[in-house]
Protein backbone atom coordinates (compact mmCIF):
# COMPACT_ATOMS: atom_id res chain seq x y z
CA MET A 1 -19.96 63.88 -32.62
CA ASP A 2 -19.53 61.22 -35.27
CA ILE A 3 -22.41 58.76 -34.97
CA GLN A 4 -22.71 55.67 -37.12
CA GLU A 5 -26.27 54.37 -37.01
CA VAL A 6 -26.28 50.69 -37.94
CA LYS A 7 -30.07 50.18 -37.73
CA VAL A 8 -33.04 52.22 -36.49
CA LEU A 9 -36.24 50.79 -35.16
CA LEU A 10 -39.54 52.56 -34.45
CA SER A 11 -42.29 51.73 -32.10
CA ALA A 12 -45.56 50.50 -33.61
CA ASP A 13 -47.08 54.02 -33.26
CA GLN A 14 -43.81 55.74 -34.39
CA TYR A 15 -43.59 57.82 -31.26
CA GLY A 16 -40.58 55.84 -30.12
CA ARG A 17 -37.18 55.51 -31.87
CA VAL A 18 -34.22 53.40 -30.92
CA ALA A 19 -30.99 53.55 -32.92
CA ILE A 20 -28.32 50.87 -32.84
CA VAL A 21 -25.03 52.80 -33.06
CA ARG A 22 -21.52 51.47 -33.61
CA ARG A 23 -19.03 52.80 -31.08
CA LYS A 24 -15.39 53.66 -31.82
CA ASP A 25 -14.32 50.39 -30.22
CA GLY A 26 -16.52 48.37 -32.66
CA LEU A 27 -19.11 47.42 -30.11
CA LEU A 28 -22.73 48.62 -30.32
CA CYS A 29 -24.91 50.76 -28.03
CA LEU A 30 -28.49 52.07 -28.17
CA TYR A 31 -29.90 55.59 -28.25
CA GLN A 32 -33.58 55.96 -27.37
CA HIS A 33 -35.88 58.91 -28.25
CA TRP A 34 -39.65 59.40 -27.58
CA HIS A 35 -42.24 61.98 -28.57
CA TRP A 36 -45.34 62.52 -26.52
CA THR A 37 -48.61 61.88 -28.35
CA PRO A 38 -50.79 64.92 -29.12
CA GLU A 39 -53.22 63.71 -26.40
CA VAL A 40 -50.52 63.65 -23.78
CA GLN A 41 -49.32 67.10 -24.84
CA ARG A 42 -52.79 68.56 -24.50
CA SER A 43 -53.47 66.87 -21.17
CA ALA A 44 -50.17 68.35 -19.87
CA GLY A 45 -51.24 71.81 -20.98
CA LEU A 46 -48.63 72.02 -23.70
CA GLY A 47 -50.91 73.52 -26.35
CA ASP A 48 -52.88 71.89 -29.16
CA GLY A 49 -50.57 68.92 -29.35
CA GLU A 50 -48.32 68.55 -32.43
CA ASP A 51 -48.32 65.12 -33.97
CA ARG A 52 -44.60 64.45 -34.34
CA ARG A 53 -43.69 60.91 -35.27
CA TRP A 54 -40.19 59.59 -35.78
CA THR A 55 -38.67 58.36 -39.02
CA THR A 56 -35.58 56.28 -39.57
CA ALA A 57 -33.81 59.22 -41.21
CA TYR A 58 -30.49 60.17 -39.68
CA ASP A 59 -30.32 63.46 -37.83
CA ALA A 60 -27.11 64.36 -36.08
CA LEU A 61 -28.99 66.79 -33.75
CA LEU A 62 -30.62 63.77 -32.05
CA TYR A 63 -27.30 62.96 -30.40
CA ASN A 64 -26.54 66.39 -28.88
CA ASP A 65 -26.45 66.23 -25.13
CA ILE A 66 -27.76 62.67 -24.79
CA GLU A 67 -26.11 59.54 -23.52
CA PRO A 68 -26.73 56.07 -24.80
CA VAL A 69 -28.97 53.64 -22.91
CA SER A 70 -27.02 51.55 -20.49
CA GLY A 71 -25.56 48.43 -22.11
CA VAL A 72 -23.08 47.42 -24.72
CA TYR A 73 -23.64 44.76 -27.43
CA GLY A 74 -21.30 42.60 -29.51
CA SER A 75 -23.74 41.84 -32.31
CA VAL A 76 -26.55 43.66 -34.15
CA GLU A 77 -28.86 40.78 -33.27
CA ASP A 78 -28.29 41.23 -29.53
CA ALA A 79 -28.69 45.03 -29.78
CA GLU A 80 -31.84 44.64 -31.81
CA LYS A 81 -33.40 42.27 -29.34
CA GLU A 82 -33.00 44.93 -26.58
CA ALA A 83 -34.14 47.72 -28.90
CA ARG A 84 -37.32 45.73 -29.65
CA ARG A 85 -37.88 45.24 -25.92
CA LEU A 86 -37.48 48.93 -25.23
CA LEU A 87 -40.03 49.80 -27.96
CA GLY A 88 -42.48 47.14 -26.85
CA LEU A 89 -42.01 45.16 -30.08
CA GLU A 90 -40.72 41.84 -28.61
CA THR A 91 -42.37 38.79 -29.91
CA GLU A 92 -42.86 35.54 -28.09
């Protein structure tokens, strides 16, 4: 799959990642990824809890077997506004 990330935003704690991706038709969509915090991993009985935080680095494997978030955007600004909302970064 040929993915063209235009911009990547991270949540304040870096456990959330939303990429703004250009589609083949020129419009934009969002892909969202989350890691569980070490505390959540431990409380769910998933071992010691690895601290895995996202970066903005591109990794093609992130897009295997995942669909974009519902919605299509005509501008980076509109897509970024929704990405910020998904990550809890919206400002008043």
